[in-house]
Amino acid sequence: MADENTENTEEAVDVTADETTEAAAATEETTEAAAVATEEQPEGPPADLSPSQRRQWYRQRQGATAKPQRTPEERARERAETRKAKAAARRRRRLQERERKTEKGEGTPPAEHEPGRVQIRQGVVSSAKGDKTIIVRIDAQKRHPKYHKIVRSSSKLQAHDEHNEAGEGDTVRVQSSRPMSKTKRWRLAEIVERAK
């Protein structure tokens, strides 16, 4: 009797061992099949997840490491540090831009406004219809300080032409003078180039 019981238990142990190896093999096959299935077609998150749970689900899929939980004070301190660092970087960049501007010497030099100094402008005569008066258009172009686009502008001024020498389209130089009328404060200095 005892021998029969031991044989039955040995057979039972062999059967259970065979079953466990088969079960392990089956589970390996199913996990491999599941891995292949996920590689073939990526699944989206379950539909019943909230937005925050859905973000967490995507982060876990990407393999990103989760940040440790922080208190609001720690987050505020971190945010303040990053803002200080960005402000310092902005300050450095702006200083470099200012230094570059002054080094290159771009643009028109500052006007010298001394009492008694004659100002000279060069422009094109847009109208010479009036007697002893010409209208001179002065074109100016300069680069916008922020957007770096070239901005063109023009101004017109009336100048005194004593002998009616200048004609329309001539390039002339005018210089400042005493007020000769309500709008005339310039006079013709020289004709640089005649109109063709």
C-alpha atoms as a PDB file:
ATOM      1  CA  MET A   1       0.000   0.000   0.000  1.00  0.00           C
ATOM      2  CA  ALA A   2       2.693   2.454   0.924  1.00  0.00           C
ATOM      3  CA  ASP A   3       4.537   1.683  -2.284  1.00  0.00           C
ATOM      4  CA  GLU A   4       1.399   2.383  -4.321  1.00  0.00           C
ATOM      5  CA  ASN A   5       0.885   5.739  -2.577  1.00  0.00           C
ATOM      6  CA  THR A   6       4.465   6.794  -3.235  1.00  0.00           C
ATOM      7  CA  GLU A   7       4.149   5.796  -6.875  1.00  0.00           C
ATOM      8  CA  ASN A   8       0.899   7.762  -7.198  1.00  0.00           C
ATOM      9  CA  THR A   9       2.458  10.806  -5.589  1.00  0.00           C
ATOM     10  CA  GLU A  10       5.513  10.513  -7.833  1.00  0.00           C
ATOM     11  CA  GLU A  11       3.252  10.318 -10.891  1.00  0.00           C
ATOM     12  CA  ALA A  12       1.253  13.282  -9.602  1.00  0.00           C
ATOM     13  CA  VAL A  13       4.453  15.273  -9.096  1.00  0.00           C
ATOM     14  CA  ASP A  14       5.606  14.382 -12.622  1.00  0.00           C
ATOM     15  CA  VAL A  15       2.225  15.391 -14.049  1.00  0.00           C
ATOM     16  CA  THR A  16       2.188  18.695 -12.177  1.00  0.00           C
ATOM     17  CA  ALA A  17       5.780  19.419 -13.232  1.00  0.00           C
ATOM     18  CA  ASP A  18       4.871  18.732 -16.859  1.00  0.00           C
ATOM     19  CA  GLU A  19       1.795  20.943 -16.538  1.00  0.00           C
ATOM     20  CA  THR A  20       3.772  23.836 -15.037  1.00  0.00           C
ATOM     21  CA  THR A  21       6.392  23.727 -17.811  1.00  0.00           C
ATOM     22  CA  GLU A  22       3.620  23.661 -20.394  1.00  0.00           C
ATOM     23  CA  ALA A  23       1.856  26.552 -18.654  1.00  0.00           C
ATOM     24  CA  ALA A  24       5.101  28.544 -18.511  1.00  0.00           C
ATOM     25  CA  ALA A  25       5.717  27.897 -22.199  1.00  0.00           C
ATOM     26  CA  ALA A  26       2.154  28.972 -22.969  1.00  0.00           C
ATOM     27  CA  THR A  27       2.511  32.192 -20.987  1.00  0.00           C
ATOM     28  CA  GLU A  28       5.798  32.978 -22.762  1.00  0.00           C
ATOM     29  CA  GLU A  29       4.103  32.457 -26.103  1.00  0.00           C
ATOM     30  CA  THR A  30       1.208  34.698 -25.136  1.00  0.00           C
ATOM     31  CA  THR A  31       3.524  37.455 -23.874  1.00  0.00           C
ATOM     32  CA  GLU A  32       5.570  37.234 -27.081  1.00  0.00           C
ATOM     33  CA  ALA A  33       2.389  37.352 -29.138  1.00  0.00           C
ATOM     34  CA  ALA A  34       1.175  40.353 -27.129  1.00  0.00           C
ATOM     35  CA  ALA A  35       4.515  42.110 -27.645  1.00  0.00           C
ATOM     36  CA  VAL A  36       4.373  41.454 -31.391  1.00  0.00           C
ATOM     37  CA  ALA A  37       0.774  42.698 -31.470  1.00  0.00           C
ATOM     38  CA  THR A  38       1.714  45.931 -29.698  1.00  0.00           C
ATOM     39  CA  GLU A  39       4.644  46.463 -32.066  1.00  0.00           C
ATOM     40  CA  GLU A  40       2.464  45.942 -35.110  1.00  0.00           C
ATOM     41  CA  GLN A  41      -0.314  48.302 -34.124  1.00  0.00           C
ATOM     42  CA  PRO A  42       0.117  50.836 -31.326  1.00  0.00           C
ATOM     43  CA  GLU A  43      -2.910  51.032 -29.101  1.00  0.00           C
ATOM     44  CA  GLY A  44      -4.283  54.272 -27.776  1.00  0.00           C
ATOM     45  CA  PRO A  45      -5.171  54.863 -24.159  1.00  0.00           C
ATOM     46  CA  PRO A  46      -8.447  53.470 -22.856  1.00  0.00           C
ATOM     47  CA  ALA A  47     -11.382  55.732 -23.602  1.00  0.00           C
ATOM     48  CA  ASP A  48     -12.534  56.041 -19.991  1.00  0.00           C
ATOM     49  CA  LEU A  49      -9.363  57.819 -18.767  1.00  0.00           C
ATOM     50  CA  SER A  50      -9.381  61.441 -17.635  1.00  0.00           C
ATOM     51  CA  PRO A  51      -7.029  63.896 -19.426  1.00  0.00           C
ATOM     52  CA  SER A  52      -4.444  63.764 -16.630  1.00  0.00           C
ATOM     53  CA  GLN A  53      -4.544  59.960 -16.564  1.00  0.00           C
ATOM     54  CA  ARG A  54      -4.229  59.924 -20.354  1.00  0.00           C
ATOM     55  CA  ARG A  55      -1.100  62.146 -20.173  1.00  0.00           C
ATOM     56  CA  GLN A  56       0.335  59.833 -17.537  1.00  0.00           C
ATOM     57  CA  TRP A  57      -0.423  56.837 -19.774  1.00  0.00           C
ATOM     58  CA  TYR A  58       1.430  58.447 -22.721  1.00  0.00           C
ATOM     59  CA  ARG A  59       4.402  59.369 -20.525  1.00  0.00           C
ATOM     60  CA  GLN A  60       4.697  55.803 -19.302  1.00  0.00           C
ATOM     61  CA  ARG A  61       4.665  54.588 -22.902  1.00  0.00           C
ATOM     62  CA  GLN A  62       7.442  56.998 -23.867  1.00  0.00           C
ATOM     63  CA  GLY A  63       9.594  55.781 -21.037  1.00  0.00           C
ATOM     64  CA  ALA A  64       9.983  59.204 -19.454  1.00  0.00           C
ATOM     65  CA  THR A  65      10.962  59.150 -15.837  1.00  0.00           C
ATOM     66  CA  ALA A  66       8.399  60.690 -13.546  1.00  0.00           C
ATOM     67  CA  LYS A  67       9.533  63.693 -11.539  1.00  0.00           C
ATOM     68  CA  PRO A  68       9.333  63.390  -7.782  1.00  0.00           C
ATOM     69  CA  GLN A  69       6.397  65.012  -6.061  1.00  0.00           C
ATOM     70  CA  ARG A  70       7.179  68.580  -4.991  1.00  0.00           C
ATOM     71  CA  THR A  71       5.484  71.040  -2.721  1.00  0.00           C
ATOM     72  CA  PRO A  72       4.059  74.272  -4.151  1.00  0.00           C
ATOM     73  CA  GLU A  73       6.873  76.213  -2.456  1.00  0.00           C
ATOM     74  CA  GLU A  74       9.497  74.076  -4.185  1.00  0.00           C
ATOM     75  CA  ARG A  75       7.793  74.557  -7.556  1.00  0.00           C
ATOM     76  CA  ALA A  76       7.598  78.328  -6.995  1.00  0.00           C
ATOM     77  CA  ARG A  77      11.279  78.454  -6.026  1.00  0.00           C
ATOM     78  CA  GLU A  78      12.237  76.449  -9.122  1.00  0.00           C
ATOM     79  CA  ARG A  79      10.130  78.699 -11.344  1.00  0.00           C
ATOM     80  CA  ALA A  80      11.723  81.831  -9.830  1.00  0.00           C
ATOM     81  CA  GLU A  81      15.218  80.429 -10.445  1.00  0.00           C
ATOM     82  CA  THR A  82      14.476  79.668 -14.099  1.00  0.00           C
ATOM     83  CA  ARG A  83      12.981  83.138 -14.583  1.00  0.00           C
ATOM     84  CA  LYS A  84      16.099  84.741 -13.065  1.00  0.00           C
ATOM     85  CA  ALA A  85      18.324  82.696 -15.356  1.00  0.00           C
ATOM     86  CA  LYS A  86      16.285  83.686 -18.428  1.00  0.00           C
ATOM     87  CA  ALA A  87      16.317  87.361 -17.403  1.00  0.00           C
ATOM     88  CA  ALA A  88      20.103  87.274 -17.030  1.00  0.00           C
ATOM     89  CA  ALA A  89      20.435  85.672 -20.485  1.00  0.00           C
ATOM     90  CA  ARG A  90      18.170  88.356 -22.002  1.00  0.00           C
ATOM     91  CA  ARG A  91      20.205  91.094 -20.329  1.00  0.00           C
ATOM     92  CA  ARG A  92      23.451  89.668 -21.715  1.00  0.00           C
ATOM     93  CA  ARG A  93      22.014  89.385 -25.219  1.00  0.00           C
ATOM     94  CA  ARG A  94      20.687  92.956 -25.187  1.00  0.00           C
ATOM     95  CA  LEU A  95      24.036  94.300 -23.993  1.00  0.00           C
ATOM     96  CA  GLN A  96      25.786  92.412 -26.800  1.00  0.00           C
ATOM     97  CA  GLU A  97      23.347  93.873 -29.353  1.00  0.00           C
ATOM     98  CA  ARG A  98      23.972  97.395 -28.039  1.00  0.00           C
ATOM     99  CA  GLU A  99      27.741  96.905 -28.202  1.00  0.00           C
ATOM    100  CA  ARG A 100      27.454  95.593 -31.759  1.00  0.00           C
ATOM    101  CA  LYS A 101      25.407  98.645 -32.784  1.00  0.00           C
ATOM    102  CA  THR A 102      27.911 101.106 -31.380  1.00  0.00           C
ATOM    103  CA  GLU A 103      30.891  99.222 -32.852  1.00  0.00           C
ATOM    104  CA  LYS A 104      29.622  99.122 -36.429  1.00  0.00           C
ATOM    105  CA  GLY A 105      28.587 102.778 -36.521  1.00  0.00           C
ATOM    106  CA  GLU A 106      25.470 102.087 -38.576  1.00  0.00           C
ATOM    107  CA  GLY A 107      23.023 104.821 -39.412  1.00  0.00           C
ATOM    108  CA  THR A 108      23.280 108.562 -39.621  1.00  0.00           C
ATOM    109  CA  PRO A 109      25.630 110.295 -37.193  1.00  0.00           C
ATOM    110  CA  PRO A 110      23.851 112.464 -34.634  1.00  0.00           C
ATOM    111  CA  ALA A 111      23.102 115.974 -35.838  1.00  0.00           C
ATOM    112  CA  GLU A 112      25.342 118.698 -34.472  1.00  0.00           C
ATOM    113  CA  HIS A 113      23.168 121.486 -33.157  1.00  0.00           C
ATOM    114  CA  GLU A 114      25.422 124.369 -32.322  1.00  0.00           C
ATOM    115  CA  PRO A 115      24.180 127.928 -32.321  1.00  0.00           C
ATOM    116  CA  GLY A 116      25.132 129.691 -35.520  1.00  0.00           C
ATOM    117  CA  ARG A 117      26.062 126.457 -37.320  1.00  0.00           C
ATOM    118  CA  VAL A 118      24.647 126.175 -40.853  1.00  0.00           C
ATOM    119  CA  GLN A 119      22.684 122.996 -41.508  1.00  0.00           C
ATOM    120  CA  ILE A 120      23.018 121.481 -44.981  1.00  0.00           C
ATOM    121  CA  ARG A 121      20.591 119.040 -46.599  1.00  0.00           C
ATOM    122  CA  GLN A 122      20.618 117.374 -50.021  1.00  0.00           C
ATOM    123  CA  GLY A 123      17.508 116.454 -51.948  1.00  0.00           C
ATOM    124  CA  VAL A 124      15.644 116.530 -55.252  1.00  0.00           C
ATOM    125  CA  VAL A 125      13.589 119.500 -56.438  1.00  0.00           C
ATOM    126  CA  SER A 126       9.984 118.317 -56.639  1.00  0.00           C
ATOM    127  CA  SER A 127       8.533 121.655 -57.703  1.00  0.00           C
ATOM    128  CA  ALA A 128       9.994 124.885 -59.077  1.00  0.00           C
ATOM    129  CA  LYS A 129       6.745 126.623 -60.038  1.00  0.00           C
ATOM    130  CA  GLY A 130       6.917 129.425 -57.490  1.00  0.00           C
ATOM    131  CA  ASP A 131       8.889 132.606 -58.086  1.00  0.00           C
ATOM    132  CA  LYS A 132      12.240 132.411 -56.242  1.00  0.00           C
ATOM    133  CA  THR A 133      10.982 129.349 -54.338  1.00  0.00           C
ATOM    134  CA  ILE A 134      11.675 125.661 -54.828  1.00  0.00           C
ATOM    135  CA  ILE A 135      10.264 122.678 -52.962  1.00  0.00           C
ATOM    136  CA  VAL A 136      12.965 120.109 -52.144  1.00  0.00           C
ATOM    137  CA  ARG A 137      12.110 116.501 -51.285  1.00  0.00           C
ATOM    138  CA  ILE A 138      14.632 114.862 -48.939  1.00  0.00           C
ATOM    139  CA  ASP A 139      14.497 111.058 -48.940  1.00  0.00           C
ATOM    140  CA  ALA A 140      15.680 109.234 -45.844  1.00  0.00           C
ATOM    141  CA  GLN A 141      15.997 105.537 -45.177  1.00  0.00           C
ATOM    142  CA  LYS A 142      17.022 103.857 -41.976  1.00  0.00           C
ATOM    143  CA  ARG A 143      16.835 100.421 -40.467  1.00  0.00           C
ATOM    144  CA  HIS A 144      14.149  99.776 -37.866  1.00  0.00           C
ATOM    145  CA  PRO A 145      15.844  99.158 -34.499  1.00  0.00           C
ATOM    146  CA  LYS A 146      13.763  96.112 -33.570  1.00  0.00           C
ATOM    147  CA  TYR A 147      12.537  94.545 -36.809  1.00  0.00           C
ATOM    148  CA  HIS A 148      15.589  95.446 -38.948  1.00  0.00           C
ATOM    149  CA  LYS A 149      13.442  96.354 -41.940  1.00  0.00           C
ATOM    150  CA  ILE A 150      14.561  99.355 -43.967  1.00  0.00           C
ATOM    151  CA  VAL A 151      11.986 102.124 -43.464  1.00  0.00           C
ATOM    152  CA  ARG A 152      11.877 104.825 -46.115  1.00  0.00           C
ATOM    153  CA  SER A 153      10.499 108.286 -45.443  1.00  0.00           C
ATOM    154  CA  SER A 154      10.694 111.689 -47.069  1.00  0.00           C
ATOM    155  CA  SER A 155      10.200 115.278 -46.012  1.00  0.00           C
ATOM    156  CA  LYS A 156       9.602 118.385 -48.093  1.00  0.00           C
ATOM    157  CA  LEU A 157      10.920 121.821 -47.364  1.00  0.00           C
ATOM    158  CA  GLN A 158      10.725 125.136 -49.156  1.00  0.00           C
ATOM    159  CA  ALA A 159      13.944 126.859 -50.116  1.00  0.00           C
ATOM    160  CA  HIS A 160      14.727 130.297 -51.510  1.00  0.00           C
ATOM    161  CA  ASP A 161      16.177 130.303 -55.042  1.00  0.00           C
ATOM    162  CA  GLU A 162      17.168 133.940 -55.745  1.00  0.00           C
ATOM    163  CA  HIS A 163      17.833 133.583 -59.499  1.00  0.00           C
ATOM    164  CA  ASN A 164      15.388 130.733 -60.299  1.00  0.00           C
ATOM    165  CA  GLU A 165      18.337 128.497 -61.278  1.00  0.00           C
ATOM    166  CA  ALA A 166      17.052 125.093 -60.151  1.00  0.00           C
ATOM    167  CA  GLY A 167      14.599 123.133 -62.228  1.00  0.00           C
ATOM    168  CA  GLU A 168      12.313 120.242 -61.392  1.00  0.00           C
ATOM    169  CA  GLY A 169      14.214 116.975 -60.878  1.00  0.00           C
ATOM    170  CA  ASP A 170      17.576 118.631 -60.091  1.00  0.00           C
ATOM    171  CA  THR A 171      19.593 117.324 -57.158  1.00  0.00           C
ATOM    172  CA  VAL A 172      20.417 120.287 -54.948  1.00  0.00           C
ATOM    173  CA  ARG A 173      21.985 121.203 -51.627  1.00  0.00           C
ATOM    174  CA  VAL A 174      20.141 123.661 -49.409  1.00  0.00           C
ATOM    175  CA  GLN A 175      21.335 125.330 -46.237  1.00  0.00           C
ATOM    176  CA  SER A 176      19.496 126.835 -43.317  1.00  0.00           C
ATOM    177  CA  SER A 177      18.987 130.587 -43.266  1.00  0.00           C
ATOM    178  CA  ARG A 178      16.945 133.280 -41.558  1.00  0.00           C
ATOM    179  CA  PRO A 179      13.152 133.007 -41.963  1.00  0.00           C
ATOM    180  CA  MET A 180      12.239 134.518 -45.331  1.00  0.00           C
ATOM    181  CA  SER A 181       8.501 133.852 -45.116  1.00  0.00           C
ATOM    182  CA  LYS A 182       6.075 131.837 -43.044  1.00  0.00           C
ATOM    183  CA  THR A 183       7.415 128.502 -44.381  1.00  0.00           C
ATOM    184  CA  LYS A 184      10.787 129.363 -45.985  1.00  0.00           C
ATOM    185  CA  ARG A 185      13.804 128.815 -43.714  1.00  0.00           C
ATOM    186  CA  TRP A 186      16.237 127.385 -46.268  1.00  0.00           C
ATOM    187  CA  ARG A 187      18.081 128.732 -49.301  1.00  0.00           C
ATOM    188  CA  LEU A 188      19.719 127.109 -52.307  1.00  0.00           C
ATOM    189  CA  ALA A 189      23.429 126.487 -51.735  1.00  0.00           C
ATOM    190  CA  GLU A 190      24.379 124.663 -54.942  1.00  0.00           C
ATOM    191  CA  ILE A 191      23.017 122.493 -57.734  1.00  0.00           C
ATOM    192  CA  VAL A 192      24.727 119.101 -57.488  1.00  0.00           C
ATOM    193  CA  GLU A 193      23.265 117.485 -60.607  1.00  0.00           C
ATOM    194  CA  ARG A 194      20.906 118.701 -63.316  1.00  0.00           C
ATOM    195  CA  ALA A 195      17.853 116.664 -64.330  1.00  0.00           C
ATOM    196  CA  LYS A 196      18.209 114.776 -67.606  1.00  0.00           C
END
